[in-house]
PDB file of N, CA and C in Angstrom:
ATOM      1  N   UNK A   1      10.309  -2.844  12.817  1.00  0.00           N
ATOM      2  CA  UNK A   1       9.686  -2.249  11.673  1.00  0.00           C
ATOM      3  C   UNK A   1       8.202  -2.003  11.968  1.00  0.00           C
ATOM      4  N   UNK A   2       7.704  -0.896  11.452  1.00  0.00           N
ATOM      5  CA  UNK A   2       6.328  -0.498  11.682  1.00  0.00           C
ATOM      6  C   UNK A   2       5.395  -1.122  10.650  1.00  0.00           C
ATOM      7  N   UNK A   3       4.129  -1.251  11.024  1.00  0.00           N
ATOM      8  CA  UNK A   3       3.091  -1.714  10.120  1.00  0.00           C
ATOM      9  C   UNK A   3       2.315  -0.488   9.630  1.00  0.00           C
ATOM     10  N   UNK A   4       1.824  -0.516   8.399  1.00  0.00           N
ATOM     11  CA  UNK A   4       1.066   0.598   7.851  1.00  0.00           C
ATOM     12  C   UNK A   4      -0.394   0.189   7.718  1.00  0.00           C
ATOM     13  N   UNK A   5      -1.280   1.010   8.283  1.00  0.00           N
ATOM     14  CA  UNK A   5      -2.720   0.833   8.134  1.00  0.00           C
ATOM     15  C   UNK A   5      -3.287   2.087   7.491  1.00  0.00           C
ATOM     16  N   UNK A   6      -4.329   1.927   6.686  1.00  0.00           N
ATOM     17  CA  UNK A   6      -4.919   3.043   5.956  1.00  0.00           C
ATOM     18  C   UNK A   6      -6.351   3.301   6.401  1.00  0.00           C
ATOM     19  N   UNK A   7      -6.690   4.591   6.503  1.00  0.00           N
ATOM     20  CA  UNK A   7      -8.075   4.993   6.617  1.00  0.00           C
ATOM     21  C   UNK A   7      -8.729   4.694   5.267  1.00  0.00           C
ATOM     22  N   UNK A   8      -9.999   4.369   5.271  1.00  0.00           N
ATOM     23  CA  UNK A   8     -10.696   3.993   4.040  1.00  0.00           C
ATOM     24  C   UNK A   8     -10.627   5.103   2.982  1.00  0.00           C
ATOM     25  N   UNK A   9     -10.838   6.354   3.400  1.00  0.00           N
ATOM     26  CA  UNK A   9     -10.805   7.472   2.447  1.00  0.00           C
ATOM     27  C   UNK A   9      -9.405   7.690   1.878  1.00  0.00           C
ATOM     28  N   UNK A  10      -8.384   7.521   2.705  1.00  0.00           N
ATOM     29  CA  UNK A  10      -7.004   7.683   2.233  1.00  0.00           C
ATOM     30  C   UNK A  10      -6.661   6.606   1.207  1.00  0.00           C
ATOM     31  N   UNK A  11      -7.100   5.388   1.453  1.00  0.00           N
ATOM     32  CA  UNK A  11      -6.834   4.295   0.523  1.00  0.00           C
ATOM     33  C   UNK A  11      -7.583   4.503  -0.793  1.00  0.00           C
ATOM     34  N   UNK A  12      -8.820   4.977  -0.722  1.00  0.00           N
ATOM     35  CA  UNK A  12      -9.583   5.262  -1.942  1.00  0.00           C
ATOM     36  C   UNK A  12      -8.907   6.350  -2.766  1.00  0.00           C
ATOM     37  N   UNK A  13      -8.419   7.399  -2.099  1.00  0.00           N
ATOM     38  CA  UNK A  13      -7.738   8.475  -2.815  1.00  0.00           C
ATOM     39  C   UNK A  13      -6.467   7.954  -3.476  1.00  0.00           C
ATOM     40  N   UNK A  14      -5.710   7.135  -2.764  1.00  0.00           N
ATOM     41  CA  UNK A  14      -4.478   6.577  -3.309  1.00  0.00           C
ATOM     42  C   UNK A  14      -4.759   5.724  -4.543  1.00  0.00           C
ATOM     43  N   UNK A  15      -5.815   4.941  -4.494  1.00  0.00           N
ATOM     44  CA  UNK A  15      -6.147   4.064  -5.620  1.00  0.00           C
ATOM     45  C   UNK A  15      -6.602   4.835  -6.856  1.00  0.00           C
ATOM     46  N   UNK A  16      -7.091   6.052  -6.689  1.00  0.00           N
ATOM     47  CA  UNK A  16      -7.551   6.855  -7.820  1.00  0.00           C
ATOM     48  C   UNK A  16      -6.414   7.607  -8.515  1.00  0.00           C
ATOM     49  N   UNK A  17      -5.253   7.673  -7.895  1.00  0.00           N
ATOM     50  CA  UNK A  17      -4.130   8.396  -8.482  1.00  0.00           C
ATOM     51  C   UNK A  17      -3.543   7.619  -9.657  1.00  0.00           C
ATOM     52  N   UNK A  18      -2.849   8.347 -10.530  1.00  0.00           N
ATOM     53  CA  UNK A  18      -2.188   7.667 -11.630  1.00  0.00           C
ATOM     54  C   UNK A  18      -1.051   6.797 -11.084  1.00  0.00           C
ATOM     55  N   UNK A  19      -0.700   5.799 -11.856  1.00  0.00           N
ATOM     56  CA  UNK A  19       0.226   4.756 -11.395  1.00  0.00           C
ATOM     57  C   UNK A  19       1.574   5.322 -10.927  1.00  0.00           C
ATOM     58  N   UNK A  20       2.133   6.262 -11.647  1.00  0.00           N
ATOM     59  CA  UNK A  20       3.455   6.810 -11.314  1.00  0.00           C
ATOM     60  C   UNK A  20       3.453   7.478  -9.935  1.00  0.00           C
ATOM     61  N   UNK A  21       2.433   8.278  -9.657  1.00  0.00           N
ATOM     62  CA  UNK A  21       2.336   8.977  -8.370  1.00  0.00           C
ATOM     63  C   UNK A  21       2.047   7.989  -7.248  1.00  0.00           C
ATOM     64  N   UNK A  22       1.154   7.051  -7.519  1.00  0.00           N
ATOM     65  CA  UNK A  22       0.815   6.036  -6.522  1.00  0.00           C
ATOM     66  C   UNK A  22       2.055   5.237  -6.133  1.00  0.00           C
ATOM     67  N   UNK A  23       2.873   4.918  -7.114  1.00  0.00           N
ATOM     68  CA  UNK A  23       4.108   4.154  -6.879  1.00  0.00           C
ATOM     69  C   UNK A  23       5.102   4.955  -6.025  1.00  0.00           C
ATOM     70  N   UNK A  24       5.237   6.261  -6.302  1.00  0.00           N
ATOM     71  CA  UNK A  24       6.140   7.107  -5.499  1.00  0.00           C
ATOM     72  C   UNK A  24       5.679   7.171  -4.049  1.00  0.00           C
ATOM     73  N   UNK A  25       4.378   7.348  -3.843  1.00  0.00           N
ATOM     74  CA  UNK A  25       3.833   7.419  -2.484  1.00  0.00           C
ATOM     75  C   UNK A  25       4.042   6.089  -1.769  1.00  0.00           C
ATOM     76  N   UNK A  26       3.757   4.995  -2.449  1.00  0.00           N
ATOM     77  CA  UNK A  26       3.917   3.671  -1.838  1.00  0.00           C
ATOM     78  C   UNK A  26       5.367   3.416  -1.437  1.00  0.00           C
ATOM     79  N   UNK A  27       6.313   3.766  -2.312  1.00  0.00           N
ATOM     80  CA  UNK A  27       7.731   3.565  -1.994  1.00  0.00           C
ATOM     81  C   UNK A  27       8.170   4.400  -0.804  1.00  0.00           C
ATOM     82  N   UNK A  28       7.695   5.633  -0.709  1.00  0.00           N
ATOM     83  CA  UNK A  28       8.052   6.495   0.424  1.00  0.00           C
ATOM     84  C   UNK A  28       7.466   5.935   1.722  1.00  0.00           C
ATOM     85  N   UNK A  29       6.257   5.397   1.659  1.00  0.00           N
ATOM     86  CA  UNK A  29       5.664   4.779   2.845  1.00  0.00           C
ATOM     87  C   UNK A  29       6.454   3.534   3.269  1.00  0.00           C
ATOM     88  N   UNK A  30       6.954   2.784   2.317  1.00  0.00           N
ATOM     89  CA  UNK A  30       7.765   1.607   2.645  1.00  0.00           C
ATOM     90  C   UNK A  30       9.067   2.017   3.322  1.00  0.00           C
ATOM     91  N   UNK A  31       9.676   3.114   2.846  1.00  0.00           N
ATOM     92  CA  UNK A  31      10.875   3.641   3.507  1.00  0.00           C
ATOM     93  C   UNK A  31      10.555   4.083   4.926  1.00  0.00           C
ATOM     94  N   UNK A  32       9.378   4.647   5.081  1.00  0.00           N
ATOM     95  CA  UNK A  32       8.944   5.183   6.375  1.00  0.00           C
ATOM     96  C   UNK A  32       8.740   4.069   7.411  1.00  0.00           C
ATOM     97  N   UNK A  33       8.429   2.875   6.954  1.00  0.00           N
ATOM     98  CA  UNK A  33       8.227   1.757   7.874  1.00  0.00           C
ATOM     99  C   UNK A  33       9.490   1.443   8.668  1.00  0.00           C
ATOM    100  N   UNK A  34      10.646   1.653   8.065  1.00  0.00           N
ATOM    101  CA  UNK A  34      11.913   1.308   8.711  1.00  0.00           C
ATOM    102  C   UNK A  34      12.324   2.345   9.748  1.00  0.00           C
ATOM    103  N   UNK A  35      12.296   3.616   9.376  1.00  0.00           N
ATOM    104  CA  UNK A  35      12.670   4.719  10.268  1.00  0.00           C
ATOM    105  C   UNK A  35      11.684   5.861  10.098  1.00  0.00           C
ATOM    106  N   UNK A  36      10.516   5.787  10.718  1.00  0.00           N
ATOM    107  CA  UNK A  36       9.478   6.786  10.453  1.00  0.00           C
ATOM    108  C   UNK A  36       9.869   8.204  10.853  1.00  0.00           C
ATOM    109  N   UNK A  37      10.585   8.379  11.909  1.00  0.00           N
ATOM    110  CA  UNK A  37      10.862   9.734  12.389  1.00  0.00           C
ATOM    111  C   UNK A  37      11.969  10.421  11.601  1.00  0.00           C
ATOM    112  N   UNK A  38      12.622   9.703  10.724  1.00  0.00           N
ATOM    113  CA  UNK A  38      13.574  10.311   9.801  1.00  0.00           C
ATOM    114  C   UNK A  38      12.818  11.040   8.684  1.00  0.00           C
ATOM    115  N   UNK A  39      11.695  10.487   8.264  1.00  0.00           N
ATOM    116  CA  UNK A  39      10.926  11.029   7.146  1.00  0.00           C
ATOM    117  C   UNK A  39       9.769  11.932   7.572  1.00  0.00           C
ATOM    118  N   UNK A  40       9.222  11.712   8.747  1.00  0.00           N
ATOM    119  CA  UNK A  40       8.014  12.424   9.177  1.00  0.00           C
ATOM    120  C   UNK A  40       8.347  13.720   9.898  1.00  0.00           C
ATOM    121  N   UNK A  41       7.507  14.721   9.667  1.00  0.00           N
ATOM    122  CA  UNK A  41       7.608  16.006  10.369  1.00  0.00           C
ATOM    123  C   UNK A  41       6.378  16.158  11.257  1.00  0.00           C
ATOM    124  N   UNK A  42       6.587  16.576  12.492  1.00  0.00           N
ATOM    125  CA  UNK A  42       5.506  16.725  13.452  1.00  0.00           C
ATOM    126  C   UNK A  42       4.617  17.908  13.087  1.00  0.00           C
ATOM    127  N   UNK A  43       3.315  17.726  13.177  1.00  0.00           N
ATOM    128  CA  UNK A  43       2.362  18.807  12.947  1.00  0.00           C
ATOM    129  C   UNK A  43       2.094  19.522  14.261  1.00  0.00           C
ATOM    130  N   UNK A  44       1.921  20.829  14.211  1.00  0.00           N
ATOM    131  CA  UNK A  44       1.739  21.593  15.445  1.00  0.00           C
ATOM    132  C   UNK A  44       0.277  21.803  15.813  1.00  0.00           C
ATOM    133  N   UNK A  45      -0.607  21.956  14.825  1.00  0.00           N
ATOM    134  CA  UNK A  45      -1.998  22.288  15.143  1.00  0.00           C
ATOM    135  C   UNK A  45      -2.877  21.063  15.383  1.00  0.00           C
ATOM    136  N   UNK A  46      -2.498  19.929  14.830  1.00  0.00           N
ATOM    137  CA  UNK A  46      -3.249  18.703  15.078  1.00  0.00           C
ATOM    138  C   UNK A  46      -2.272  17.605  15.491  1.00  0.00           C
ATOM    139  N   UNK A  47      -2.792  16.590  16.145  1.00  0.00           N
ATOM    140  CA  UNK A  47      -1.955  15.476  16.549  1.00  0.00           C
ATOM    141  C   UNK A  47      -1.635  14.645  15.313  1.00  0.00           C
ATOM    142  N   UNK A  48      -0.384  14.460  15.037  1.00  0.00           N
ATOM    143  CA  UNK A  48       0.006  13.649  13.900  1.00  0.00           C
ATOM    144  C   UNK A  48       1.270  14.154  13.255  1.00  0.00           C
ATOM    145  N   UNK A  49       1.582  13.528  12.143  1.00  0.00           N
ATOM    146  CA  UNK A  49       2.794  13.831  11.397  1.00  0.00           C
ATOM    147  C   UNK A  49       2.445  13.960   9.925  1.00  0.00           C
ATOM    148  N   UNK A  50       3.328  14.651   9.188  1.00  0.00           N
ATOM    149  CA  UNK A  50       3.130  14.756   7.744  1.00  0.00           C
ATOM    150  C   UNK A  50       4.318  14.132   7.031  1.00  0.00           C
ATOM    151  N   UNK A  51       4.024  13.598   5.876  1.00  0.00           N
ATOM    152  CA  UNK A  51       5.030  13.033   4.994  1.00  0.00           C
ATOM    153  C   UNK A  51       4.861  13.721   3.649  1.00  0.00           C
ATOM    154  N   UNK A  52       5.940  14.257   3.130  1.00  0.00           N
ATOM    155  CA  UNK A  52       5.906  14.992   1.869  1.00  0.00           C
ATOM    156  C   UNK A  52       6.366  14.089   0.735  1.00  0.00           C
ATOM    157  N   UNK A  53       5.541  14.008  -0.310  1.00  0.00           N
ATOM    158  CA  UNK A  53       5.891  13.264  -1.516  1.00  0.00           C
ATOM    159  C   UNK A  53       5.500  14.145  -2.701  1.00  0.00           C
ATOM    160  N   UNK A  54       6.440  14.928  -3.206  1.00  0.00           N
ATOM    161  CA  UNK A  54       6.149  15.849  -4.308  1.00  0.00           C
ATOM    162  C   UNK A  54       5.119  16.876  -3.895  1.00  0.00           C
ATOM    163  N   UNK A  55       4.045  16.999  -4.678  1.00  0.00           N
ATOM    164  CA  UNK A  55       2.963  17.935  -4.372  1.00  0.00           C
ATOM    165  C   UNK A  55       1.941  17.358  -3.406  1.00  0.00           C
ATOM    166  N   UNK A  56       2.129  16.140  -2.978  1.00  0.00           N
ATOM    167  CA  UNK A  56       1.163  15.476  -2.104  1.00  0.00           C
ATOM    168  C   UNK A  56       1.673  15.443  -0.671  1.00  0.00           C
ATOM    169  N   UNK A  57       0.717  15.478   0.258  1.00  0.00           N
ATOM    170  CA  UNK A  57       1.030  15.361   1.672  1.00  0.00           C
ATOM    171  C   UNK A  57       0.219  14.209   2.238  1.00  0.00           C
ATOM    172  N   UNK A  58       0.852  13.475   3.136  1.00  0.00           N
ATOM    173  CA  UNK A  58       0.214  12.342   3.793  1.00  0.00           C
ATOM    174  C   UNK A  58       0.200  12.634   5.285  1.00  0.00           C
ATOM    175  N   UNK A  59      -0.971  12.615   5.866  1.00  0.00           N
ATOM    176  CA  UNK A  59      -1.120  12.834   7.304  1.00  0.00           C
ATOM    177  C   UNK A  59      -1.164  11.461   7.975  1.00  0.00           C
ATOM    178  N   UNK A  60      -0.274  11.279   8.941  1.00  0.00           N
ATOM    179  CA  UNK A  60      -0.088   9.969   9.573  1.00  0.00           C
ATOM    180  C   UNK A  60      -0.149  10.102  11.092  1.00  0.00           C
ATOM    181  N   UNK A  61      -0.856   9.181  11.715  1.00  0.00           N
ATOM    182  CA  UNK A  61      -0.859   9.060  13.174  1.00  0.00           C
ATOM    183  C   UNK A  61       0.093   7.920  13.523  1.00  0.00           C
ATOM    184  N   UNK A  62       1.079   8.209  14.356  1.00  0.00           N
ATOM    185  CA  UNK A  62       2.071   7.196  14.741  1.00  0.00           C
ATOM    186  C   UNK A  62       1.716   6.666  16.120  1.00  0.00           C
ATOM    187  N   UNK A  63       1.528   5.358  16.186  1.00  0.00           N
ATOM    188  CA  UNK A  63       1.285   4.700  17.470  1.00  0.00           C
ATOM    189  C   UNK A  63       2.540   3.896  17.780  1.00  0.00           C
ATOM    190  N   UNK A  64       3.435   4.555  18.508  1.00  0.00           N
ATOM    191  CA  UNK A  64       4.787   4.044  18.717  1.00  0.00           C
ATOM    192  C   UNK A  64       4.820   2.764  19.554  1.00  0.00           C
ATOM    193  N   UNK A  65       3.938   2.647  20.520  1.00  0.00           N
ATOM    194  CA  UNK A  65       3.972   1.473  21.406  1.00  0.00           C
ATOM    195  C   UNK A  65       3.657   0.179  20.671  1.00  0.00           C
ATOM    196  N   UNK A  66       2.754   0.264  19.693  1.00  0.00           N
ATOM    197  CA  UNK A  66       2.390  -0.950  18.956  1.00  0.00           C
ATOM    198  C   UNK A  66       2.976  -0.963  17.543  1.00  0.00           C
ATOM    199  N   UNK A  67       3.821   0.040  17.245  1.00  0.00           N
ATOM    200  CA  UNK A  67       4.546   0.129  15.976  1.00  0.00           C
ATOM    201  C   UNK A  67       3.608   0.116  14.768  1.00  0.00           C
ATOM    202  N   UNK A  68       2.685   1.096  14.763  1.00  0.00           N
ATOM    203  CA  UNK A  68       1.727   1.233  13.668  1.00  0.00           C
ATOM    204  C   UNK A  68       1.766   2.655  13.131  1.00  0.00           C
ATOM    205  N   UNK A  69       1.812   2.775  11.808  1.00  0.00           N
ATOM    206  CA  UNK A  69       1.656   4.054  11.122  1.00  0.00           C
ATOM    207  C   UNK A  69       0.264   4.031  10.499  1.00  0.00           C
ATOM    208  N   UNK A  70      -0.621   4.889  10.988  1.00  0.00           N
ATOM    209  CA  UNK A  70      -1.998   4.917  10.504  1.00  0.00           C
ATOM    210  C   UNK A  70      -2.149   6.102   9.560  1.00  0.00           C
ATOM    211  N   UNK A  71      -2.317   5.834   8.272  1.00  0.00           N
ATOM    212  CA  UNK A  71      -2.445   6.875   7.252  1.00  0.00           C
ATOM    213  C   UNK A  71      -3.873   7.414   7.309  1.00  0.00           C
ATOM    214  N   UNK A  72      -3.984   8.683   7.730  1.00  0.00           N
ATOM    215  CA  UNK A  72      -5.297   9.295   7.893  1.00  0.00           C
ATOM    216  C   UNK A  72      -5.802   9.960   6.628  1.00  0.00           C
ATOM    217  N   UNK A  73      -4.901  10.656   5.917  1.00  0.00           N
ATOM    218  CA  UNK A  73      -5.334  11.419   4.758  1.00  0.00           C
ATOM    219  C   UNK A  73      -4.191  11.561   3.770  1.00  0.00           C
ATOM    220  N   UNK A  74      -4.535  11.508   2.491  1.00  0.00           N
ATOM    221  CA  UNK A  74      -3.594  11.771   1.402  1.00  0.00           C
ATOM    222  C   UNK A  74      -4.277  12.753   0.473  1.00  0.00           C
ATOM    223  N   UNK A  75      -3.595  13.840   0.163  1.00  0.00           N
ATOM    224  CA  UNK A  75      -4.181  14.836  -0.730  1.00  0.00           C
ATOM    225  C   UNK A  75      -3.105  15.786  -1.221  1.00  0.00           C
ATOM    226  N   UNK A  76      -3.475  16.636  -2.154  1.00  0.00           N
ATOM    227  CA  UNK A  76      -2.554  17.673  -2.631  1.00  0.00           C
ATOM    228  C   UNK A  76      -2.254  18.633  -1.492  1.00  0.00           C
ATOM    229  N   UNK A  77      -1.111  19.255  -1.558  1.00  0.00           N
ATOM    230  CA  UNK A  77      -0.629  20.130  -0.491  1.00  0.00           C
ATOM    231  C   UNK A  77      -1.611  21.242  -0.162  1.00  0.00           C
ATOM    232  N   UNK A  78      -2.182  21.871  -1.169  1.00  0.00           N
ATOM    233  CA  UNK A  78      -3.063  23.023  -0.923  1.00  0.00           C
ATOM    234  C   UNK A  78      -4.403  22.638  -0.307  1.00  0.00           C
ATOM    235  N   UNK A  79      -4.776  21.361  -0.353  1.00  0.00           N
ATOM    236  CA  UNK A  79      -6.073  20.935   0.173  1.00  0.00           C
ATOM    237  C   UNK A  79      -5.990  20.126   1.467  1.00  0.00           C
ATOM    238  N   UNK A  80      -4.812  19.705   1.849  1.00  0.00           N
ATOM    239  CA  UNK A  80      -4.719  18.731   2.937  1.00  0.00           C
ATOM    240  C   UNK A  80      -4.836  19.357   4.337  1.00  0.00           C
ATOM    241  N   UNK A  81      -4.377  20.575   4.499  1.00  0.00           N
ATOM    242  CA  UNK A  81      -4.319  21.147   5.851  1.00  0.00           C
ATOM    243  C   UNK A  81      -5.594  21.791   6.282  1.00  0.00           C
TER     244      UNK A  81
END
């Protein structure tokens, strides 16, 4: 199972969201810990992966050797890329 680490800005953004959305994102990240490549889609222009949760996108750097999912950014779809 993978460990999840957050960038400071991503964690601040997550904490500012309303409870219902924050809960959906958190649950999807917990699912991702078990089988990350089932949920994540590879990004082509930058190194990393995206996770889709409704209108929000989460940009994640996967460090497979040490089993870490590093959450770089969380934002609305139109602003994240």
